[in-house]
């Protein structure tokens, strides 16, 4: 592995960030304009590539599954579950990229939310609701759809290390109507 001087690191990082952003935009363009079914299929293939080709965090994923499921599952089953999780993440990525193209009405039509009974008393009383979610399923889509039910949606968000990618992600969220609260000021907000 190459060792870089302190002066060379910022330039190396800047170049890597430019390449990452370029790859993101190059991947995003066709995924946002192809039909949804094709885009989601490609998202699953991106998940396959990340898990099988790049092996991105593969060992960590398997260790976490083993810790959660214990000895109940053998290595083959854990790998199958992990691959499925990567495919799901790929589809989430595709749906997120499409926020700029897909209209809220279309997102609402293909999303099921329930039960909505908890929203009605809060809305009638003029109160807000705090949802706590984990990074399971499409948490980004959840915010957009909840905003479509009325009122505003605010999400606590962290910054990406790559400032270009960070700006792109924040623009997509803003276009989808999600107000963003920086993680450092979340408690005050």
N, C-alpha and C. Protein backbone atom coordinates (compact mmCIF):
# COMPACT_ATOMS: atom_id res chain seq x y z
N UNK A 1 0.84 -1.17 0.00
CA UNK A 1 0.00 0.00 0.00
C UNK A 1 0.88 1.24 0.00
N UNK A 2 0.52 2.22 -0.78
CA UNK A 2 1.32 3.44 -0.90
C UNK A 2 1.19 4.28 0.37
N UNK A 3 2.25 4.96 0.71
CA UNK A 3 2.24 5.89 1.83
C UNK A 3 2.35 7.29 1.27
N UNK A 4 1.48 8.15 1.72
CA UNK A 4 1.44 9.51 1.20
C UNK A 4 1.86 10.48 2.29
N UNK A 5 2.55 11.52 1.88
CA UNK A 5 2.92 12.56 2.84
C UNK A 5 1.67 13.34 3.22
N UNK A 6 1.79 14.11 4.29
CA UNK A 6 0.67 14.92 4.77
C UNK A 6 0.19 15.86 3.66
N UNK A 7 1.09 16.38 2.86
CA UNK A 7 0.73 17.30 1.77
C UNK A 7 0.01 16.58 0.63
N UNK A 8 0.34 15.32 0.40
CA UNK A 8 -0.26 14.56 -0.70
C UNK A 8 -1.65 14.03 -0.35
N UNK A 9 -1.95 13.82 0.92
CA UNK A 9 -3.23 13.21 1.31
C UNK A 9 -4.44 14.01 0.86
N UNK A 10 -4.49 15.34 1.07
CA UNK A 10 -5.68 16.07 0.63
C UNK A 10 -5.93 15.94 -0.87
N UNK A 11 -4.86 15.98 -1.68
CA UNK A 11 -5.04 15.85 -3.12
C UNK A 11 -5.53 14.44 -3.47
N UNK A 12 -4.98 13.43 -2.81
CA UNK A 12 -5.42 12.06 -3.06
C UNK A 12 -6.89 11.90 -2.68
N UNK A 13 -7.26 12.45 -1.52
CA UNK A 13 -8.66 12.38 -1.08
C UNK A 13 -9.57 13.12 -2.04
N UNK A 14 -9.17 14.31 -2.46
CA UNK A 14 -9.97 15.10 -3.40
C UNK A 14 -10.17 14.33 -4.70
N UNK A 15 -9.13 13.70 -5.20
CA UNK A 15 -9.25 12.91 -6.43
C UNK A 15 -10.17 11.71 -6.23
N UNK A 16 -10.03 11.01 -5.11
CA UNK A 16 -10.90 9.88 -4.83
C UNK A 16 -12.35 10.32 -4.71
N UNK A 17 -12.58 11.44 -4.05
CA UNK A 17 -13.94 11.95 -3.91
C UNK A 17 -14.54 12.34 -5.26
N UNK A 18 -13.72 12.92 -6.13
CA UNK A 18 -14.20 13.28 -7.46
C UNK A 18 -14.58 12.03 -8.25
N UNK A 19 -13.78 10.98 -8.14
CA UNK A 19 -14.07 9.73 -8.83
C UNK A 19 -15.34 9.09 -8.26
N UNK A 20 -15.47 9.05 -6.93
CA UNK A 20 -16.67 8.48 -6.31
C UNK A 20 -17.92 9.22 -6.77
N UNK A 21 -17.85 10.54 -6.78
CA UNK A 21 -19.00 11.34 -7.20
C UNK A 21 -19.32 11.09 -8.67
N UNK A 22 -18.29 11.02 -9.49
CA UNK A 22 -18.50 10.75 -10.91
C UNK A 22 -19.15 9.39 -11.14
N UNK A 23 -18.70 8.38 -10.42
CA UNK A 23 -19.29 7.04 -10.54
C UNK A 23 -20.75 7.08 -10.07
N UNK A 24 -21.02 7.75 -8.96
CA UNK A 24 -22.39 7.86 -8.46
C UNK A 24 -23.30 8.49 -9.51
N UNK A 25 -22.87 9.59 -10.09
CA UNK A 25 -23.72 10.27 -11.08
C UNK A 25 -23.88 9.43 -12.35
N UNK A 26 -22.81 8.73 -12.74
CA UNK A 26 -22.89 7.88 -13.93
C UNK A 26 -23.84 6.70 -13.71
N UNK A 27 -23.84 6.16 -12.51
CA UNK A 27 -24.75 5.06 -12.19
C UNK A 27 -26.17 5.58 -12.03
N UNK A 28 -26.30 6.77 -11.43
CA UNK A 28 -27.63 7.32 -11.15
C UNK A 28 -28.40 7.65 -12.43
N UNK A 29 -27.74 8.14 -13.44
CA UNK A 29 -28.43 8.59 -14.65
C UNK A 29 -29.31 7.51 -15.27
N UNK A 30 -28.78 6.34 -15.61
CA UNK A 30 -29.68 5.34 -16.21
C UNK A 30 -30.70 4.79 -15.21
N UNK A 31 -30.30 4.68 -13.94
CA UNK A 31 -31.21 4.11 -12.95
C UNK A 31 -32.43 5.00 -12.71
N UNK A 32 -32.28 6.29 -12.92
CA UNK A 32 -33.40 7.19 -12.69
C UNK A 32 -34.33 7.28 -13.89
N UNK A 33 -33.85 6.93 -15.07
CA UNK A 33 -34.68 7.08 -16.27
C UNK A 33 -35.22 5.78 -16.83
N UNK A 34 -34.68 4.67 -16.40
CA UNK A 34 -35.22 3.38 -16.83
C UNK A 34 -36.54 3.12 -16.12
N UNK A 35 -37.38 2.24 -16.64
CA UNK A 35 -38.60 1.88 -15.90
C UNK A 35 -38.25 1.35 -14.51
N UNK A 36 -39.15 1.57 -13.57
CA UNK A 36 -38.89 1.21 -12.18
C UNK A 36 -38.49 -0.25 -12.01
N UNK A 37 -39.21 -1.17 -12.65
CA UNK A 37 -38.88 -2.59 -12.51
C UNK A 37 -37.48 -2.92 -12.96
N UNK A 38 -37.05 -2.33 -14.05
CA UNK A 38 -35.69 -2.55 -14.56
C UNK A 38 -34.68 -1.95 -13.59
N UNK A 39 -34.97 -0.74 -13.09
CA UNK A 39 -34.07 -0.09 -12.15
C UNK A 39 -33.91 -0.91 -10.87
N UNK A 40 -35.02 -1.46 -10.37
CA UNK A 40 -34.93 -2.27 -9.15
C UNK A 40 -34.16 -3.57 -9.40
N UNK A 41 -34.34 -4.16 -10.57
CA UNK A 41 -33.56 -5.35 -10.93
C UNK A 41 -32.07 -5.00 -10.92
N UNK A 42 -31.74 -3.84 -11.50
CA UNK A 42 -30.33 -3.41 -11.52
C UNK A 42 -29.83 -3.14 -10.10
N UNK A 43 -30.71 -2.61 -9.23
CA UNK A 43 -30.34 -2.41 -7.84
C UNK A 43 -29.96 -3.72 -7.15
N UNK A 44 -30.74 -4.76 -7.44
CA UNK A 44 -30.41 -6.08 -6.87
C UNK A 44 -29.05 -6.56 -7.40
N UNK A 45 -28.77 -6.31 -8.68
CA UNK A 45 -27.49 -6.71 -9.25
C UNK A 45 -26.35 -5.90 -8.62
N UNK A 46 -26.59 -4.62 -8.32
CA UNK A 46 -25.58 -3.83 -7.62
C UNK A 46 -25.30 -4.44 -6.24
N UNK A 47 -26.36 -4.90 -5.57
CA UNK A 47 -26.19 -5.57 -4.29
C UNK A 47 -25.38 -6.85 -4.43
N UNK A 48 -25.66 -7.61 -5.50
CA UNK A 48 -24.87 -8.82 -5.77
C UNK A 48 -23.40 -8.48 -5.98
N UNK A 49 -23.14 -7.41 -6.74
CA UNK A 49 -21.76 -7.00 -7.01
C UNK A 49 -21.06 -6.54 -5.72
N UNK A 50 -21.77 -5.77 -4.89
CA UNK A 50 -21.17 -5.28 -3.64
C UNK A 50 -20.84 -6.44 -2.70
N UNK A 51 -21.72 -7.46 -2.68
CA UNK A 51 -21.50 -8.57 -1.76
C UNK A 51 -20.55 -9.61 -2.35
N UNK A 52 -20.75 -9.96 -3.61
CA UNK A 52 -19.95 -11.03 -4.20
C UNK A 52 -18.70 -10.57 -4.90
N UNK A 53 -18.79 -9.47 -5.63
CA UNK A 53 -17.63 -8.99 -6.38
C UNK A 53 -16.68 -8.17 -5.53
N UNK A 54 -17.21 -7.15 -4.89
CA UNK A 54 -16.38 -6.27 -4.07
C UNK A 54 -16.17 -6.80 -2.66
N UNK A 55 -17.09 -7.64 -2.21
CA UNK A 55 -17.07 -8.19 -0.83
C UNK A 55 -17.07 -7.05 0.19
N UNK A 56 -17.81 -5.98 -0.10
CA UNK A 56 -17.87 -4.82 0.78
C UNK A 56 -18.45 -5.22 2.14
N UNK A 57 -17.64 -5.12 3.17
CA UNK A 57 -18.06 -5.40 4.55
C UNK A 57 -18.70 -6.79 4.69
N UNK A 58 -18.33 -7.70 3.83
CA UNK A 58 -18.92 -9.03 3.81
C UNK A 58 -18.67 -9.77 5.12
N UNK A 59 -17.43 -9.75 5.59
CA UNK A 59 -17.08 -10.46 6.82
C UNK A 59 -17.87 -9.87 8.00
N UNK A 60 -17.96 -8.56 8.07
CA UNK A 60 -18.70 -7.90 9.16
C UNK A 60 -20.18 -8.30 9.10
N UNK A 61 -20.73 -8.33 7.90
CA UNK A 61 -22.14 -8.71 7.73
C UNK A 61 -22.37 -10.13 8.24
N UNK A 62 -21.51 -11.05 7.86
CA UNK A 62 -21.67 -12.44 8.32
C UNK A 62 -21.49 -12.56 9.84
N UNK A 63 -20.54 -11.82 10.40
CA UNK A 63 -20.34 -11.84 11.85
C UNK A 63 -21.57 -11.31 12.57
N UNK A 64 -22.15 -10.24 12.05
CA UNK A 64 -23.35 -9.67 12.68
C UNK A 64 -24.54 -10.63 12.59
N UNK A 65 -24.69 -11.28 11.45
CA UNK A 65 -25.77 -12.26 11.32
C UNK A 65 -25.56 -13.43 12.27
N UNK A 66 -24.33 -13.89 12.38
CA UNK A 66 -24.02 -15.00 13.28
C UNK A 66 -24.32 -14.59 14.73
N UNK A 67 -23.99 -13.34 15.10
CA UNK A 67 -24.27 -12.86 16.45
C UNK A 67 -25.77 -12.76 16.70
N UNK A 68 -26.52 -12.34 15.68
CA UNK A 68 -27.97 -12.18 15.84
C UNK A 68 -28.72 -13.50 15.82
N UNK A 69 -28.28 -14.43 14.98
CA UNK A 69 -29.02 -15.68 14.78
C UNK A 69 -28.41 -16.87 15.51
N UNK A 70 -27.21 -16.70 16.02
CA UNK A 70 -26.56 -17.77 16.76
C UNK A 70 -26.26 -18.97 15.89
N UNK A 71 -26.28 -20.13 16.52
CA UNK A 71 -25.91 -21.38 15.84
C UNK A 71 -27.09 -21.97 15.08
N UNK A 72 -28.23 -21.26 15.06
CA UNK A 72 -29.41 -21.78 14.38
C UNK A 72 -29.20 -21.96 12.87
N UNK A 73 -28.36 -21.13 12.30
CA UNK A 73 -28.17 -21.12 10.85
C UNK A 73 -26.76 -21.54 10.48
N UNK A 74 -26.63 -22.30 9.40
CA UNK A 74 -25.30 -22.69 8.96
C UNK A 74 -24.73 -21.59 8.05
N UNK A 75 -23.48 -21.77 7.65
CA UNK A 75 -22.78 -20.75 6.86
C UNK A 75 -23.48 -20.47 5.53
N UNK A 76 -24.05 -21.50 4.92
CA UNK A 76 -24.75 -21.31 3.64
C UNK A 76 -25.98 -20.44 3.82
N UNK A 77 -26.73 -20.69 4.88
CA UNK A 77 -27.94 -19.91 5.15
C UNK A 77 -27.58 -18.46 5.49
N UNK A 78 -26.53 -18.26 6.27
CA UNK A 78 -26.10 -16.90 6.60
C UNK A 78 -25.68 -16.14 5.34
N UNK A 79 -24.98 -16.81 4.46
CA UNK A 79 -24.57 -16.16 3.21
C UNK A 79 -25.78 -15.80 2.36
N UNK A 80 -26.80 -16.67 2.35
CA UNK A 80 -28.02 -16.38 1.59
C UNK A 80 -28.74 -15.16 2.16
N UNK A 81 -28.83 -15.09 3.49
CA UNK A 81 -29.48 -13.95 4.14
C UNK A 81 -28.69 -12.67 3.86
N UNK A 82 -27.37 -12.76 3.96
CA UNK A 82 -26.52 -11.60 3.70
C UNK A 82 -26.69 -11.10 2.27
N UNK A 83 -26.69 -12.02 1.32
CA UNK A 83 -26.86 -11.62 -0.09
C UNK A 83 -28.20 -10.94 -0.29
N UNK A 84 -29.24 -11.45 0.33
CA UNK A 84 -30.56 -10.84 0.25
C UNK A 84 -30.55 -9.42 0.83
N UNK A 85 -29.83 -9.24 1.93
CA UNK A 85 -29.73 -7.91 2.55
C UNK A 85 -29.01 -6.93 1.62
N UNK A 86 -27.97 -7.40 0.94
CA UNK A 86 -27.26 -6.54 -0.01
C UNK A 86 -28.16 -6.19 -1.19
N UNK A 87 -28.94 -7.14 -1.65
CA UNK A 87 -29.87 -6.85 -2.75
C UNK A 87 -30.91 -5.82 -2.32
N UNK A 88 -31.40 -5.97 -1.11
CA UNK A 88 -32.36 -5.00 -0.58
C UNK A 88 -31.73 -3.61 -0.49
N UNK A 89 -30.50 -3.54 -0.04
CA UNK A 89 -29.79 -2.26 0.02
C UNK A 89 -29.62 -1.66 -1.37
N UNK A 90 -29.36 -2.50 -2.36
CA UNK A 90 -29.25 -2.02 -3.74
C UNK A 90 -30.55 -1.43 -4.25
N UNK A 91 -31.66 -2.07 -3.92
CA UNK A 91 -32.97 -1.53 -4.32
C UNK A 91 -33.29 -0.23 -3.58
N UNK A 92 -32.92 -0.16 -2.31
CA UNK A 92 -33.11 1.08 -1.53
C UNK A 92 -32.32 2.21 -2.16
N UNK A 93 -31.10 1.91 -2.56
CA UNK A 93 -30.24 2.89 -3.23
C UNK A 93 -30.90 3.40 -4.50
N UNK A 94 -31.44 2.51 -5.31
CA UNK A 94 -32.10 2.89 -6.56
C UNK A 94 -33.32 3.76 -6.27
N UNK A 95 -34.15 3.35 -5.33
CA UNK A 95 -35.33 4.15 -5.01
C UNK A 95 -34.94 5.54 -4.52
N UNK A 96 -33.88 5.62 -3.74
CA UNK A 96 -33.41 6.91 -3.27
C UNK A 96 -32.97 7.79 -4.43
N UNK A 97 -32.22 7.22 -5.35
CA UNK A 97 -31.75 7.99 -6.50
C UNK A 97 -32.91 8.52 -7.34
N UNK A 98 -34.02 7.81 -7.33
CA UNK A 98 -35.18 8.20 -8.15
C UNK A 98 -36.04 9.27 -7.50
N UNK A 99 -35.73 9.70 -6.27
CA UNK A 99 -36.53 10.73 -5.62
C UNK A 99 -36.66 11.99 -6.47
N UNK A 100 -35.62 12.33 -7.19
CA UNK A 100 -35.67 13.52 -8.03
C UNK A 100 -36.60 13.36 -9.21
N UNK A 101 -36.86 12.13 -9.62
CA UNK A 101 -37.69 11.87 -10.81
C UNK A 101 -39.11 11.46 -10.43
N UNK A 102 -39.23 10.54 -9.50
CA UNK A 102 -40.54 10.02 -9.12
C UNK A 102 -41.30 11.06 -8.31
N UNK A 103 -42.52 11.24 -8.62
CA UNK A 103 -43.36 12.19 -7.89
C UNK A 103 -43.92 11.52 -6.64
N UNK A 104 -44.19 12.34 -5.63
CA UNK A 104 -44.68 11.82 -4.36
C UNK A 104 -45.94 10.98 -4.55
N UNK A 105 -46.82 11.41 -5.46
CA UNK A 105 -48.07 10.65 -5.69
C UNK A 105 -47.75 9.22 -6.12
N UNK A 106 -46.79 9.04 -7.01
CA UNK A 106 -46.41 7.71 -7.46
C UNK A 106 -45.82 6.88 -6.34
N UNK A 107 -45.02 7.53 -5.49
CA UNK A 107 -44.44 6.82 -4.34
C UNK A 107 -45.54 6.37 -3.39
N UNK A 108 -46.53 7.24 -3.19
CA UNK A 108 -47.63 6.92 -2.28
C UNK A 108 -48.45 5.73 -2.80
N UNK A 109 -48.64 5.68 -4.11
CA UNK A 109 -49.45 4.60 -4.71
C UNK A 109 -48.82 3.23 -4.49
N UNK A 110 -47.51 3.15 -4.50
CA UNK A 110 -46.87 1.84 -4.40
C UNK A 110 -46.31 1.54 -3.01
N UNK A 111 -46.76 2.31 -2.02
CA UNK A 111 -46.28 2.11 -0.65
C UNK A 111 -47.47 1.88 0.28
N UNK A 112 -47.36 0.88 1.12
CA UNK A 112 -48.41 0.59 2.10
C UNK A 112 -47.91 1.03 3.48
N UNK A 113 -48.74 1.82 4.15
CA UNK A 113 -48.42 2.27 5.50
C UNK A 113 -49.60 1.94 6.40
N UNK A 114 -49.33 1.45 7.56
CA UNK A 114 -50.42 1.17 8.48
C UNK A 114 -49.88 0.81 9.83
N UNK A 115 -50.65 0.93 10.83
CA UNK A 115 -51.95 1.60 10.86
C UNK A 115 -51.77 3.11 10.98
N UNK A 116 -52.64 3.84 10.31
CA UNK A 116 -52.57 5.30 10.34
C UNK A 116 -53.35 5.88 11.51
N UNK A 117 -54.02 5.04 12.28
CA UNK A 117 -54.85 5.51 13.40
C UNK A 117 -54.04 6.34 14.40
N UNK A 118 -52.75 6.06 14.54
CA UNK A 118 -51.95 6.81 15.50
C UNK A 118 -51.72 8.25 15.05
N UNK A 119 -51.82 8.51 13.75
CA UNK A 119 -51.60 9.86 13.24
C UNK A 119 -52.78 10.78 13.51
N UNK A 120 -53.98 10.24 13.45
CA UNK A 120 -55.19 11.07 13.53
C UNK A 120 -55.31 11.84 14.85
N UNK A 121 -55.14 11.22 16.03
CA UNK A 121 -55.25 12.00 17.27
C UNK A 121 -54.18 13.09 17.36
N UNK A 122 -52.97 12.79 16.91
CA UNK A 122 -51.90 13.78 16.96
C UNK A 122 -52.21 14.96 16.04
N UNK A 123 -52.71 14.67 14.85
CA UNK A 123 -53.06 15.73 13.91
C UNK A 123 -54.23 16.56 14.43
N UNK A 124 -55.21 15.89 15.01
CA UNK A 124 -56.39 16.60 15.54
C UNK A 124 -55.99 17.50 16.70
N UNK A 125 -55.03 17.10 17.49
CA UNK A 125 -54.59 17.89 18.63
C UNK A 125 -53.51 18.89 18.29
N UNK A 126 -53.11 18.95 17.01
CA UNK A 126 -52.08 19.88 16.60
C UNK A 126 -50.69 19.51 17.10
N UNK A 127 -50.50 18.25 17.44
CA UNK A 127 -49.20 17.80 17.93
C UNK A 127 -48.44 17.08 16.82
N UNK A 128 -47.17 17.00 17.00
CA UNK A 128 -46.34 16.26 16.08
C UNK A 128 -46.11 14.85 16.58
N UNK A 129 -45.46 14.07 15.76
CA UNK A 129 -45.14 12.69 16.12
C UNK A 129 -43.66 12.49 15.88
N UNK A 130 -43.02 11.82 16.78
CA UNK A 130 -41.62 11.48 16.60
C UNK A 130 -41.56 10.00 16.24
N UNK A 131 -41.03 9.71 15.06
CA UNK A 131 -40.83 8.33 14.64
C UNK A 131 -39.36 7.99 14.83
N UNK A 132 -39.11 6.89 15.43
CA UNK A 132 -37.76 6.38 15.53
C UNK A 132 -37.68 5.16 14.64
N UNK A 133 -36.76 5.18 13.71
CA UNK A 133 -36.64 4.06 12.78
C UNK A 133 -35.21 3.55 12.78
N UNK A 134 -35.07 2.37 12.28
CA UNK A 134 -33.73 1.82 12.09
C UNK A 134 -33.46 1.78 10.60
N UNK A 135 -32.26 1.44 10.25
CA UNK A 135 -31.91 1.34 8.84
C UNK A 135 -32.30 -0.04 8.30
N UNK A 136 -33.60 -0.31 8.36
CA UNK A 136 -34.14 -1.52 7.75
C UNK A 136 -35.17 -1.09 6.74
N UNK A 137 -35.27 -1.81 5.67
CA UNK A 137 -36.18 -1.39 4.62
C UNK A 137 -35.69 -0.08 4.03
N UNK A 138 -36.58 0.66 3.42
CA UNK A 138 -36.19 1.93 2.82
C UNK A 138 -36.60 3.07 3.74
N UNK A 139 -35.72 3.40 4.67
CA UNK A 139 -36.00 4.45 5.65
C UNK A 139 -36.11 5.81 4.97
N UNK A 140 -35.41 6.04 3.88
CA UNK A 140 -35.51 7.31 3.16
C UNK A 140 -36.90 7.45 2.54
N UNK A 141 -37.39 6.40 1.92
CA UNK A 141 -38.71 6.40 1.31
C UNK A 141 -39.79 6.60 2.38
N UNK A 142 -39.59 6.03 3.54
CA UNK A 142 -40.54 6.17 4.63
C UNK A 142 -40.77 7.64 4.95
N UNK A 143 -39.72 8.43 5.02
CA UNK A 143 -39.85 9.86 5.31
C UNK A 143 -40.63 10.59 4.25
N UNK A 144 -40.36 10.28 3.00
CA UNK A 144 -41.05 10.93 1.89
C UNK A 144 -42.54 10.60 1.92
N UNK A 145 -42.86 9.34 2.12
CA UNK A 145 -44.25 8.90 2.13
C UNK A 145 -44.99 9.49 3.33
N UNK A 146 -44.35 9.51 4.48
CA UNK A 146 -45.00 10.09 5.66
C UNK A 146 -45.29 11.57 5.42
N UNK A 147 -44.39 12.26 4.75
CA UNK A 147 -44.64 13.66 4.40
C UNK A 147 -45.82 13.81 3.47
N UNK A 148 -46.06 12.81 2.64
CA UNK A 148 -47.20 12.84 1.73
C UNK A 148 -48.53 12.70 2.42
N UNK A 149 -48.51 12.27 3.66
CA UNK A 149 -49.75 12.12 4.43
C UNK A 149 -50.18 13.43 5.06
N UNK A 150 -49.36 14.44 4.94
CA UNK A 150 -49.69 15.75 5.50
C UNK A 150 -48.65 16.17 6.53
N UNK A 151 -48.49 17.45 6.65
CA UNK A 151 -47.52 17.97 7.60
C UNK A 151 -46.12 17.93 7.04
N UNK A 152 -45.18 18.26 7.88
CA UNK A 152 -43.79 18.26 7.43
C UNK A 152 -43.06 17.07 8.02
N UNK A 153 -42.03 16.67 7.34
CA UNK A 153 -41.18 15.58 7.82
C UNK A 153 -39.78 16.12 7.95
N UNK A 154 -39.21 15.89 9.11
CA UNK A 154 -37.85 16.32 9.36
C UNK A 154 -37.05 15.09 9.75
N UNK A 155 -35.90 14.96 9.17
CA UNK A 155 -35.04 13.82 9.48
C UNK A 155 -33.72 14.28 10.04
N UNK A 156 -33.22 13.54 11.01
CA UNK A 156 -31.89 13.80 11.55
C UNK A 156 -30.89 13.11 10.63
N UNK A 157 -29.97 13.88 10.08
CA UNK A 157 -29.05 13.33 9.09
C UNK A 157 -27.61 13.66 9.45
N UNK A 158 -26.74 12.74 9.11
CA UNK A 158 -25.31 12.97 9.25
C UNK A 158 -24.72 13.38 7.91
N UNK A 159 -23.49 13.81 7.95
CA UNK A 159 -22.80 14.22 6.73
C UNK A 159 -22.01 13.05 6.16
N UNK A 160 -21.94 13.00 4.84
CA UNK A 160 -21.08 12.05 4.17
C UNK A 160 -19.66 12.61 4.16
N UNK A 161 -18.67 11.76 4.19
CA UNK A 161 -17.28 12.24 4.15
C UNK A 161 -16.97 12.94 2.84
N UNK A 162 -17.55 12.45 1.76
CA UNK A 162 -17.34 13.05 0.45
C UNK A 162 -18.33 14.21 0.31
N UNK A 163 -17.82 15.44 0.28
CA UNK A 163 -18.68 16.61 0.27
C UNK A 163 -19.54 16.69 -0.99
N UNK A 164 -19.05 16.22 -2.13
CA UNK A 164 -19.85 16.23 -3.36
C UNK A 164 -21.02 15.25 -3.24
N UNK A 165 -20.74 14.06 -2.74
CA UNK A 165 -21.79 13.07 -2.53
C UNK A 165 -22.77 13.58 -1.48
N UNK A 166 -22.26 14.19 -0.43
CA UNK A 166 -23.09 14.75 0.62
C UNK A 166 -24.08 15.78 0.05
N UNK A 167 -23.60 16.67 -0.77
CA UNK A 167 -24.48 17.67 -1.38
C UNK A 167 -25.54 17.04 -2.26
N UNK A 168 -25.16 16.04 -3.02
CA UNK A 168 -26.09 15.34 -3.91
C UNK A 168 -27.19 14.66 -3.10
N UNK A 169 -26.80 13.95 -2.04
CA UNK A 169 -27.75 13.24 -1.19
C UNK A 169 -28.72 14.23 -0.55
N UNK A 170 -28.19 15.34 -0.05
CA UNK A 170 -29.05 16.34 0.60
C UNK A 170 -30.00 17.01 -0.39
N UNK A 171 -29.54 17.21 -1.61
CA UNK A 171 -30.44 17.77 -2.64
C UNK A 171 -31.58 16.80 -2.96
N UNK A 172 -31.29 15.50 -3.05
CA UNK A 172 -32.34 14.52 -3.30
C UNK A 172 -33.36 14.51 -2.17
N UNK A 173 -32.88 14.54 -0.94
CA UNK A 173 -33.81 14.57 0.19
C UNK A 173 -34.67 15.84 0.17
N UNK A 174 -34.05 16.97 -0.11
CA UNK A 174 -34.78 18.25 -0.15
C UNK A 174 -35.84 18.22 -1.25
N UNK A 175 -35.50 17.70 -2.43
CA UNK A 175 -36.47 17.60 -3.52
C UNK A 175 -37.65 16.73 -3.15
N UNK A 176 -37.39 15.75 -2.29
CA UNK A 176 -38.46 14.84 -1.86
C UNK A 176 -39.28 15.44 -0.73
N UNK A 177 -38.91 16.63 -0.26
CA UNK A 177 -39.68 17.30 0.77
C UNK A 177 -39.29 16.99 2.20
N UNK A 178 -38.14 16.38 2.38
CA UNK A 178 -37.67 16.06 3.73
C UNK A 178 -36.77 17.19 4.22
N UNK A 179 -37.18 17.80 5.33
CA UNK A 179 -36.34 18.82 5.96
C UNK A 179 -35.28 18.10 6.77
N UNK A 180 -34.05 18.58 6.68
CA UNK A 180 -32.93 17.85 7.27
C UNK A 180 -32.37 18.60 8.47
N UNK A 181 -32.24 17.88 9.57
CA UNK A 181 -31.67 18.43 10.80
C UNK A 181 -30.28 17.82 10.95
N UNK A 182 -29.24 18.65 10.98
CA UNK A 182 -27.89 18.10 11.17
C UNK A 182 -27.78 17.35 12.49
N UNK A 183 -27.10 16.25 12.46
CA UNK A 183 -27.03 15.37 13.63
C UNK A 183 -26.49 16.10 14.86
N UNK A 184 -25.61 17.04 14.68
CA UNK A 184 -25.03 17.77 15.81
C UNK A 184 -26.01 18.68 16.52
N UNK A 185 -27.07 19.11 15.83
CA UNK A 185 -28.04 20.02 16.45
C UNK A 185 -29.41 19.35 16.63
N UNK A 186 -29.45 18.04 16.54
CA UNK A 186 -30.71 17.31 16.57
C UNK A 186 -31.50 17.54 17.85
N UNK A 187 -30.83 17.52 18.97
CA UNK A 187 -31.54 17.67 20.25
C UNK A 187 -32.19 19.05 20.34
N UNK A 188 -31.47 20.10 19.96
CA UNK A 188 -32.01 21.46 20.01
C UNK A 188 -33.17 21.59 19.05
N UNK A 189 -33.05 21.08 17.84
CA UNK A 189 -34.12 21.16 16.84
C UNK A 189 -35.34 20.39 17.32
